[in-house]
Amino acid sequence: MAELLLIVSLLAVFVFGFYLMSRLDQFLEENRKALLKENESCEPSEVLLPHGLSESEILCEIRRFLETHGNVDIILSDGQKNDF
């Protein structure tokens, strides 16, 4: 009888632990999504590429910017101040 009580109580502890871990997993997933959304909004909305970058470095920067931002327009300028 004592063994049965021990097995049932151990099973109850495992079920409760599983429940707690699933709730913790849901909480952490919601936190992760909120942090990703916050990081996306903190990304700069423009990228200034310094003089002397190779074509591959420029393409790498453009691809990275495209991954973090959805709809992108590219404006090329010669460095003089212009209002767009």
PDB file of N, CA and C in Angstrom:
ATOM      1  N   MET A   1       0.824  -1.195   0.000  1.00  0.00           N
ATOM      2  CA  MET A   1       0.000   0.000   0.000  1.00  0.00           C
ATOM      3  C   MET A   1       0.868   1.259   0.000  1.00  0.00           C
ATOM      4  N   ALA A   2       1.925   1.244   0.785  1.00  0.00           N
ATOM      5  CA  ALA A   2       2.825   2.396   0.853  1.00  0.00           C
ATOM      6  C   ALA A   2       3.512   2.612  -0.497  1.00  0.00           C
ATOM      7  N   GLU A   3       3.825   1.503  -1.172  1.00  0.00           N
ATOM      8  CA  GLU A   3       4.473   1.621  -2.484  1.00  0.00           C
ATOM      9  C   GLU A   3       3.525   2.250  -3.503  1.00  0.00           C
ATOM     10  N   LEU A   4       2.262   1.866  -3.451  1.00  0.00           N
ATOM     11  CA  LEU A   4       1.270   2.441  -4.356  1.00  0.00           C
ATOM     12  C   LEU A   4       1.108   3.940  -4.100  1.00  0.00           C
ATOM     13  N   LEU A   5       1.061   4.332  -2.835  1.00  0.00           N
ATOM     14  CA  LEU A   5       0.960   5.739  -2.480  1.00  0.00           C
ATOM     15  C   LEU A   5       2.191   6.507  -2.970  1.00  0.00           C
ATOM     16  N   LEU A   6       3.362   5.914  -2.845  1.00  0.00           N
ATOM     17  CA  LEU A   6       4.591   6.533  -3.309  1.00  0.00           C
ATOM     18  C   LEU A   6       4.575   6.704  -4.832  1.00  0.00           C
ATOM     19  N   ILE A   7       4.117   5.691  -5.553  1.00  0.00           N
ATOM     20  CA  ILE A   7       4.045   5.754  -7.013  1.00  0.00           C
ATOM     21  C   ILE A   7       3.056   6.828  -7.455  1.00  0.00           C
ATOM     22  N   VAL A   8       1.888   6.877  -6.833  1.00  0.00           N
ATOM     23  CA  VAL A   8       0.872   7.867  -7.190  1.00  0.00           C
ATOM     24  C   VAL A   8       1.364   9.278  -6.885  1.00  0.00           C
ATOM     25  N   SER A   9       1.989   9.478  -5.737  1.00  0.00           N
ATOM     26  CA  SER A   9       2.479  10.816  -5.396  1.00  0.00           C
ATOM     27  C   SER A   9       3.626  11.232  -6.320  1.00  0.00           C
ATOM     28  N   LEU A  10       4.484  10.297  -6.689  1.00  0.00           N
ATOM     29  CA  LEU A  10       5.565  10.597  -7.623  1.00  0.00           C
ATOM     30  C   LEU A  10       5.007  10.944  -9.002  1.00  0.00           C
ATOM     31  N   LEU A  11       3.991  10.220  -9.425  1.00  0.00           N
ATOM     32  CA  LEU A  11       3.334  10.513 -10.696  1.00  0.00           C
ATOM     33  C   LEU A  11       2.694  11.901 -10.662  1.00  0.00           C
ATOM     34  N   ALA A  12       2.077  12.255  -9.544  1.00  0.00           N
ATOM     35  CA  ALA A  12       1.461  13.578  -9.405  1.00  0.00           C
ATOM     36  C   ALA A  12       2.522  14.679  -9.480  1.00  0.00           C
ATOM     37  N   VAL A  13       3.666  14.445  -8.863  1.00  0.00           N
ATOM     38  CA  VAL A  13       4.756  15.428  -8.921  1.00  0.00           C
ATOM     39  C   VAL A  13       5.238  15.594 -10.356  1.00  0.00           C
ATOM     40  N   PHE A  14       5.380  14.493 -11.104  1.00  0.00           N
ATOM     41  CA  PHE A  14       5.812  14.568 -12.495  1.00  0.00           C
ATOM     42  C   PHE A  14       4.792  15.311 -13.361  1.00  0.00           C
ATOM     43  N   VAL A  15       3.521  15.049 -13.165  1.00  0.00           N
ATOM     44  CA  VAL A  15       2.478  15.726 -13.939  1.00  0.00           C
ATOM     45  C   VAL A  15       2.479  17.220 -13.625  1.00  0.00           C
ATOM     46  N   PHE A  16       2.596  17.567 -12.359  1.00  0.00           N
ATOM     47  CA  PHE A  16       2.641  18.972 -11.973  1.00  0.00           C
ATOM     48  C   PHE A  16       3.889  19.653 -12.544  1.00  0.00           C
ATOM     49  N   GLY A  17       5.022  18.975 -12.509  1.00  0.00           N
ATOM     50  CA  GLY A  17       6.257  19.510 -13.088  1.00  0.00           C
ATOM     51  C   GLY A  17       6.124  19.721 -14.585  1.00  0.00           C
ATOM     52  N   PHE A  18       5.486  18.780 -15.275  1.00  0.00           N
ATOM     53  CA  PHE A  18       5.261  18.922 -16.713  1.00  0.00           C
ATOM     54  C   PHE A  18       4.372  20.125 -17.000  1.00  0.00           C
ATOM     55  N   TYR A  19       3.341  20.309 -16.193  1.00  0.00           N
ATOM     56  CA  TYR A  19       2.443  21.446 -16.351  1.00  0.00           C
ATOM     57  C   TYR A  19       3.201  22.762 -16.149  1.00  0.00           C
ATOM     58  N   LEU A  20       4.012  22.826 -15.100  1.00  0.00           N
ATOM     59  CA  LEU A  20       4.779  24.039 -14.844  1.00  0.00           C
ATOM     60  C   LEU A  20       5.752  24.338 -15.981  1.00  0.00           C
ATOM     61  N   MET A  21       6.413  23.320 -16.483  1.00  0.00           N
ATOM     62  CA  MET A  21       7.380  23.527 -17.564  1.00  0.00           C
ATOM     63  C   MET A  21       6.686  23.967 -18.861  1.00  0.00           C
ATOM     64  N   SER A  22       5.496  23.447 -19.128  1.00  0.00           N
ATOM     65  CA  SER A  22       4.777  23.876 -20.333  1.00  0.00           C
ATOM     66  C   SER A  22       4.343  25.333 -20.205  1.00  0.00           C
ATOM     67  N   ARG A  23       3.923  25.743 -19.022  1.00  0.00           N
ATOM     68  CA  ARG A  23       3.553  27.149 -18.803  1.00  0.00           C
ATOM     69  C   ARG A  23       4.776  28.055 -18.926  1.00  0.00           C
ATOM     70  N   LEU A  24       5.904  27.614 -18.387  1.00  0.00           N
ATOM     71  CA  LEU A  24       7.142  28.376 -18.496  1.00  0.00           C
ATOM     72  C   LEU A  24       7.571  28.491 -19.954  1.00  0.00           C
ATOM     73  N   ASP A  25       7.413  27.422 -20.714  1.00  0.00           N
ATOM     74  CA  ASP A  25       7.755  27.434 -22.135  1.00  0.00           C
ATOM     75  C   ASP A  25       6.894  28.441 -22.891  1.00  0.00           C
ATOM     76  N   GLN A  26       5.609  28.484 -22.598  1.00  0.00           N
ATOM     77  CA  GLN A  26       4.719  29.453 -23.244  1.00  0.00           C
ATOM     78  C   GLN A  26       5.123  30.882 -22.898  1.00  0.00           C
ATOM     79  N   PHE A  27       5.433  31.110 -21.639  1.00  0.00           N
ATOM     80  CA  PHE A  27       5.849  32.442 -21.198  1.00  0.00           C
ATOM     81  C   PHE A  27       7.136  32.877 -21.894  1.00  0.00           C
ATOM     82  N   LEU A  28       8.115  31.990 -21.952  1.00  0.00           N
ATOM     83  CA  LEU A  28       9.387  32.325 -22.591  1.00  0.00           C
ATOM     84  C   LEU A  28       9.224  32.557 -24.090  1.00  0.00           C
ATOM     85  N   GLU A  29       8.352  31.800 -24.731  1.00  0.00           N
ATOM     86  CA  GLU A  29       8.108  31.989 -26.164  1.00  0.00           C
ATOM     87  C   GLU A  29       7.462  33.351 -26.431  1.00  0.00           C
ATOM     88  N   GLU A  30       6.509  33.745 -25.596  1.00  0.00           N
ATOM     89  CA  GLU A  30       5.890  35.065 -25.743  1.00  0.00           C
ATOM     90  C   GLU A  30       6.913  36.173 -25.515  1.00  0.00           C
ATOM     91  N   ASN A  31       7.782  35.979 -24.530  1.00  0.00           N
ATOM     92  CA  ASN A  31       8.843  36.948 -24.265  1.00  0.00           C
ATOM     93  C   ASN A  31       9.789  37.064 -25.446  1.00  0.00           C
ATOM     94  N   ARG A  32      10.153  35.925 -26.042  1.00  0.00           N
ATOM     95  CA  ARG A  32      11.073  35.909 -27.176  1.00  0.00           C
ATOM     96  C   ARG A  32      10.468  36.676 -28.352  1.00  0.00           C
ATOM     97  N   LYS A  33       9.184  36.441 -28.610  1.00  0.00           N
ATOM     98  CA  LYS A  33       8.514  37.144 -29.709  1.00  0.00           C
ATOM     99  C   LYS A  33       8.461  38.645 -29.444  1.00  0.00           C
ATOM    100  N   ALA A  34       8.179  39.031 -28.203  1.00  0.00           N
ATOM    101  CA  ALA A  34       8.126  40.455 -27.863  1.00  0.00           C
ATOM    102  C   ALA A  34       9.500  41.103 -28.014  1.00  0.00           C
ATOM    103  N   LEU A  35      10.549  40.401 -27.614  1.00  0.00           N
ATOM    104  CA  LEU A  35      11.898  40.942 -27.758  1.00  0.00           C
ATOM    105  C   LEU A  35      12.295  41.074 -29.221  1.00  0.00           C
ATOM    106  N   LEU A  36      11.933  40.099 -30.038  1.00  0.00           N
ATOM    107  CA  LEU A  36      12.239  40.183 -31.465  1.00  0.00           C
ATOM    108  C   LEU A  36      11.523  41.368 -32.105  1.00  0.00           C
ATOM    109  N   LYS A  37      10.263  41.561 -31.720  1.00  0.00           N
ATOM    110  CA  LYS A  37       9.500  42.683 -32.267  1.00  0.00           C
ATOM    111  C   LYS A  37      10.118  44.007 -31.825  1.00  0.00           C
ATOM    112  N   GLU A  38      10.560  44.080 -30.581  1.00  0.00           N
ATOM    113  CA  GLU A  38      11.190  45.295 -30.072  1.00  0.00           C
ATOM    114  C   GLU A  38      12.520  45.554 -30.776  1.00  0.00           C
ATOM    115  N   ASN A  39      13.291  44.510 -31.016  1.00  0.00           N
ATOM    116  CA  ASN A  39      14.572  44.670 -31.707  1.00  0.00           C
ATOM    117  C   ASN A  39      14.378  45.128 -33.139  1.00  0.00           C
ATOM    118  N   GLU A  40      13.334  44.644 -33.798  1.00  0.00           N
ATOM    119  CA  GLU A  40      13.061  45.078 -35.166  1.00  0.00           C
ATOM    120  C   GLU A  40      12.738  46.560 -35.213  1.00  0.00           C
ATOM    121  N   SER A  41      12.015  47.037 -34.211  1.00  0.00           N
ATOM    122  CA  SER A  41      11.660  48.453 -34.201  1.00  0.00           C
ATOM    123  C   SER A  41      12.859  49.326 -33.840  1.00  0.00           C
ATOM    124  N   CYS A  42      13.879  48.762 -33.206  1.00  0.00           N
ATOM    125  CA  CYS A  42      15.071  49.526 -32.838  1.00  0.00           C
ATOM    126  C   CYS A  42      16.108  49.558 -33.951  1.00  0.00           C
ATOM    127  N   GLU A  43      15.937  48.760 -34.975  1.00  0.00           N
ATOM    128  CA  GLU A  43      16.886  48.742 -36.085  1.00  0.00           C
ATOM    129  C   GLU A  43      16.854  50.089 -36.801  1.00  0.00           C
ATOM    130  N   PRO A  44      17.993  50.547 -37.276  1.00  0.00           N
ATOM    131  CA  PRO A  44      17.994  51.819 -37.999  1.00  0.00           C
ATOM    132  C   PRO A  44      17.190  51.720 -39.288  1.00  0.00           C
ATOM    133  N   SER A  45      16.561  52.825 -39.658  1.00  0.00           N
ATOM    134  CA  SER A  45      15.738  52.808 -40.865  1.00  0.00           C
ATOM    135  C   SER A  45      16.540  53.191 -42.099  1.00  0.00           C
ATOM    136  N   GLU A  46      17.814  53.537 -41.905  1.00  0.00           N
ATOM    137  CA  GLU A  46      18.670  53.821 -43.051  1.00  0.00           C
ATOM    138  C   GLU A  46      20.074  53.319 -42.759  1.00  0.00           C
ATOM    139  N   VAL A  47      20.809  53.042 -43.805  1.00  0.00           N
ATOM    140  CA  VAL A  47      22.178  52.558 -43.672  1.00  0.00           C
ATOM    141  C   VAL A  47      23.075  53.450 -44.513  1.00  0.00           C
ATOM    142  N   LEU A  48      24.116  53.963 -43.896  1.00  0.00           N
ATOM    143  CA  LEU A  48      25.100  54.759 -44.613  1.00  0.00           C
ATOM    144  C   LEU A  48      26.335  53.893 -44.811  1.00  0.00           C
ATOM    145  N   LEU A  49      26.706  53.680 -46.049  1.00  0.00           N
ATOM    146  CA  LEU A  49      27.857  52.842 -46.357  1.00  0.00           C
ATOM    147  C   LEU A  49      29.067  53.734 -46.612  1.00  0.00           C
ATOM    148  N   PRO A  50      30.158  53.511 -45.890  1.00  0.00           N
ATOM    149  CA  PRO A  50      31.336  54.363 -46.068  1.00  0.00           C
ATOM    150  C   PRO A  50      32.015  54.132 -47.414  1.00  0.00           C
ATOM    151  N   HIS A  51      32.778  55.105 -47.830  1.00  0.00           N
ATOM    152  CA  HIS A  51      33.519  55.036 -49.089  1.00  0.00           C
ATOM    153  C   HIS A  51      34.575  53.930 -48.993  1.00  0.00           C
ATOM    154  N   GLY A  52      34.746  53.200 -50.049  1.00  0.00           N
ATOM    155  CA  GLY A  52      35.802  52.198 -50.101  1.00  0.00           C
ATOM    156  C   GLY A  52      35.345  50.778 -49.837  1.00  0.00           C
ATOM    157  N   LEU A  53      34.056  50.542 -49.679  1.00  0.00           N
ATOM    158  CA  LEU A  53      33.575  49.177 -49.489  1.00  0.00           C
ATOM    159  C   LEU A  53      33.570  48.446 -50.823  1.00  0.00           C
ATOM    160  N   SER A  54      33.888  47.168 -50.761  1.00  0.00           N
ATOM    161  CA  SER A  54      33.842  46.368 -51.986  1.00  0.00           C
ATOM    162  C   SER A  54      32.386  46.046 -52.326  1.00  0.00           C
ATOM    163  N   GLU A  55      32.174  45.565 -53.540  1.00  0.00           N
ATOM    164  CA  GLU A  55      30.816  45.220 -53.974  1.00  0.00           C
ATOM    165  C   GLU A  55      30.217  44.133 -53.099  1.00  0.00           C
ATOM    166  N   SER A  56      31.022  43.157 -52.705  1.00  0.00           N
ATOM    167  CA  SER A  56      30.502  42.068 -51.874  1.00  0.00           C
ATOM    168  C   SER A  56      30.110  42.568 -50.489  1.00  0.00           C
ATOM    169  N   GLU A  57      30.864  43.515 -49.934  1.00  0.00           N
ATOM    170  CA  GLU A  57      30.514  44.078 -48.631  1.00  0.00           C
ATOM    171  C   GLU A  57      29.227  44.896 -48.718  1.00  0.00           C
ATOM    172  N   ILE A  58      29.073  45.627 -49.809  1.00  0.00           N
ATOM    173  CA  ILE A  58      27.843  46.406 -50.002  1.00  0.00           C
ATOM    174  C   ILE A  58      26.644  45.478 -50.133  1.00  0.00           C
ATOM    175  N   LEU A  59      26.781  44.411 -50.926  1.00  0.00           N
ATOM    176  CA  LEU A  59      25.688  43.444 -51.078  1.00  0.00           C
ATOM    177  C   LEU A  59      25.361  42.765 -49.758  1.00  0.00           C
ATOM    178  N   CYS A  60      26.382  42.462 -48.973  1.00  0.00           N
ATOM    179  CA  CYS A  60      26.161  41.831 -47.660  1.00  0.00           C
ATOM    180  C   CYS A  60      25.348  42.757 -46.756  1.00  0.00           C
ATOM    181  N   GLU A  61      25.696  44.047 -46.728  1.00  0.00           N
ATOM    182  CA  GLU A  61      24.954  45.011 -45.917  1.00  0.00           C
ATOM    183  C   GLU A  61      23.521  45.165 -46.407  1.00  0.00           C
ATOM    184  N   ILE A  62      23.324  45.190 -47.713  1.00  0.00           N
ATOM    185  CA  ILE A  62      21.972  45.314 -48.268  1.00  0.00           C
ATOM    186  C   ILE A  62      21.139  44.093 -47.908  1.00  0.00           C
ATOM    187  N   ARG A  63      21.710  42.905 -48.017  1.00  0.00           N
ATOM    188  CA  ARG A  63      20.970  41.676 -47.671  1.00  0.00           C
ATOM    189  C   ARG A  63      20.607  41.645 -46.194  1.00  0.00           C
ATOM    190  N   ARG A  64      21.543  42.059 -45.327  1.00  0.00           N
ATOM    191  CA  ARG A  64      21.265  42.089 -43.890  1.00  0.00           C
ATOM    192  C   ARG A  64      20.130  43.069 -43.591  1.00  0.00           C
ATOM    193  N   PHE A  65      20.140  44.215 -44.259  1.00  0.00           N
ATOM    194  CA  PHE A  65      19.091  45.214 -44.062  1.00  0.00           C
ATOM    195  C   PHE A  65      17.749  44.693 -44.558  1.00  0.00           C
ATOM    196  N   LEU A  66      17.751  43.980 -45.687  1.00  0.00           N
ATOM    197  CA  LEU A  66      16.514  43.407 -46.221  1.00  0.00           C
ATOM    198  C   LEU A  66      15.925  42.362 -45.279  1.00  0.00           C
ATOM    199  N   GLU A  67      16.790  41.609 -44.579  1.00  0.00           N
ATOM    200  CA  GLU A  67      16.298  40.588 -43.650  1.00  0.00           C
ATOM    201  C   GLU A  67      15.593  41.203 -42.452  1.00  0.00           C
ATOM    202  N   THR A  68      16.059  42.353 -41.986  1.00  0.00           N
ATOM    203  CA  THR A  68      15.470  42.970 -40.800  1.00  0.00           C
ATOM    204  C   THR A  68      14.327  43.922 -41.126  1.00  0.00           C
ATOM    205  N   HIS A  69      14.225  44.342 -42.374  1.00  0.00           N
ATOM    206  CA  HIS A  69      13.168  45.265 -42.792  1.00  0.00           C
ATOM    207  C   HIS A  69      12.439  44.655 -43.979  1.00  0.00           C
ATOM    208  N   GLY A  70      11.146  44.781 -43.996  1.00  0.00           N
ATOM    209  CA  GLY A  70      10.360  44.154 -45.047  1.00  0.00           C
ATOM    210  C   GLY A  70      10.437  44.855 -46.386  1.00  0.00           C
ATOM    211  N   ASN A  71       9.839  46.003 -46.482  1.00  0.00           N
ATOM    212  CA  ASN A  71       9.744  46.737 -47.741  1.00  0.00           C
ATOM    213  C   ASN A  71      10.863  47.775 -47.778  1.00  0.00           C
ATOM    214  N   VAL A  72      11.761  47.676 -48.763  1.00  0.00           N
ATOM    215  CA  VAL A  72      12.946  48.528 -48.796  1.00  0.00           C
ATOM    216  C   VAL A  72      13.026  49.267 -50.126  1.00  0.00           C
ATOM    217  N   ASP A  73      13.293  50.560 -50.054  1.00  0.00           N
ATOM    218  CA  ASP A  73      13.616  51.370 -51.229  1.00  0.00           C
ATOM    219  C   ASP A  73      15.076  51.778 -51.109  1.00  0.00           C
ATOM    220  N   ILE A  74      15.816  51.712 -52.204  1.00  0.00           N
ATOM    221  CA  ILE A  74      17.233  52.063 -52.191  1.00  0.00           C
ATOM    222  C   ILE A  74      17.405  53.390 -52.916  1.00  0.00           C
ATOM    223  N   ILE A  75      18.055  54.330 -52.232  1.00  0.00           N
ATOM    224  CA  ILE A  75      18.341  55.644 -52.801  1.00  0.00           C
ATOM    225  C   ILE A  75      19.855  55.810 -52.802  1.00  0.00           C
ATOM    226  N   LEU A  76      20.426  56.072 -53.952  1.00  0.00           N
ATOM    227  CA  LEU A  76      21.860  56.301 -54.065  1.00  0.00           C
ATOM    228  C   LEU A  76      22.119  57.798 -54.101  1.00  0.00           C
ATOM    229  N   SER A  77      23.134  58.231 -53.375  1.00  0.00           N
ATOM    230  CA  SER A  77      23.459  59.649 -53.305  1.00  0.00           C
ATOM    231  C   SER A  77      24.974  59.809 -53.380  1.00  0.00           C
ATOM    232  N   ASP A  78      25.418  60.984 -53.838  1.00  0.00           N
ATOM    233  CA  ASP A  78      26.855  61.229 -53.941  1.00  0.00           C
ATOM    234  C   ASP A  78      27.444  61.845 -52.681  1.00  0.00           C
ATOM    235  N   GLY A  79      26.669  61.948 -51.630  1.00  0.00           N
ATOM    236  CA  GLY A  79      27.176  62.433 -50.358  1.00  0.00           C
ATOM    237  C   GLY A  79      26.803  63.865 -50.045  1.00  0.00           C
ATOM    238  N   GLN A  80      26.237  64.592 -50.986  1.00  0.00           N
ATOM    239  CA  GLN A  80      25.801  65.955 -50.716  1.00  0.00           C
ATOM    240  C   GLN A  80      24.461  65.914 -49.995  1.00  0.00           C
ATOM    241  N   LYS A  81      24.207  66.923 -49.189  1.00  0.00           N
ATOM    242  CA  LYS A  81      22.954  66.979 -48.441  1.00  0.00           C
ATOM    243  C   LYS A  81      21.796  67.271 -49.379  1.00  0.00           C
ATOM    244  N   ASN A  82      20.840  66.371 -49.432  1.00  0.00           N
ATOM    245  CA  ASN A  82      19.617  66.554 -50.216  1.00  0.00           C
ATOM    246  C   ASN A  82      18.433  66.167 -49.352  1.00  0.00           C
ATOM    247  N   ASP A  83      17.333  66.865 -49.491  1.00  0.00           N
ATOM    248  CA  ASP A  83      16.102  66.482 -48.795  1.00  0.00           C
ATOM    249  C   ASP A  83      15.277  65.623 -49.731  1.00  0.00           C
ATOM    250  N   PHE A  84      14.954  64.429 -49.284  1.00  0.00           N
ATOM    251  CA  PHE A  84      14.178  63.498 -50.111  1.00  0.00           C
ATOM    252  C   PHE A  84      12.729  63.595 -49.753  1.00  0.00           C
TER     253      PHE A  84
END
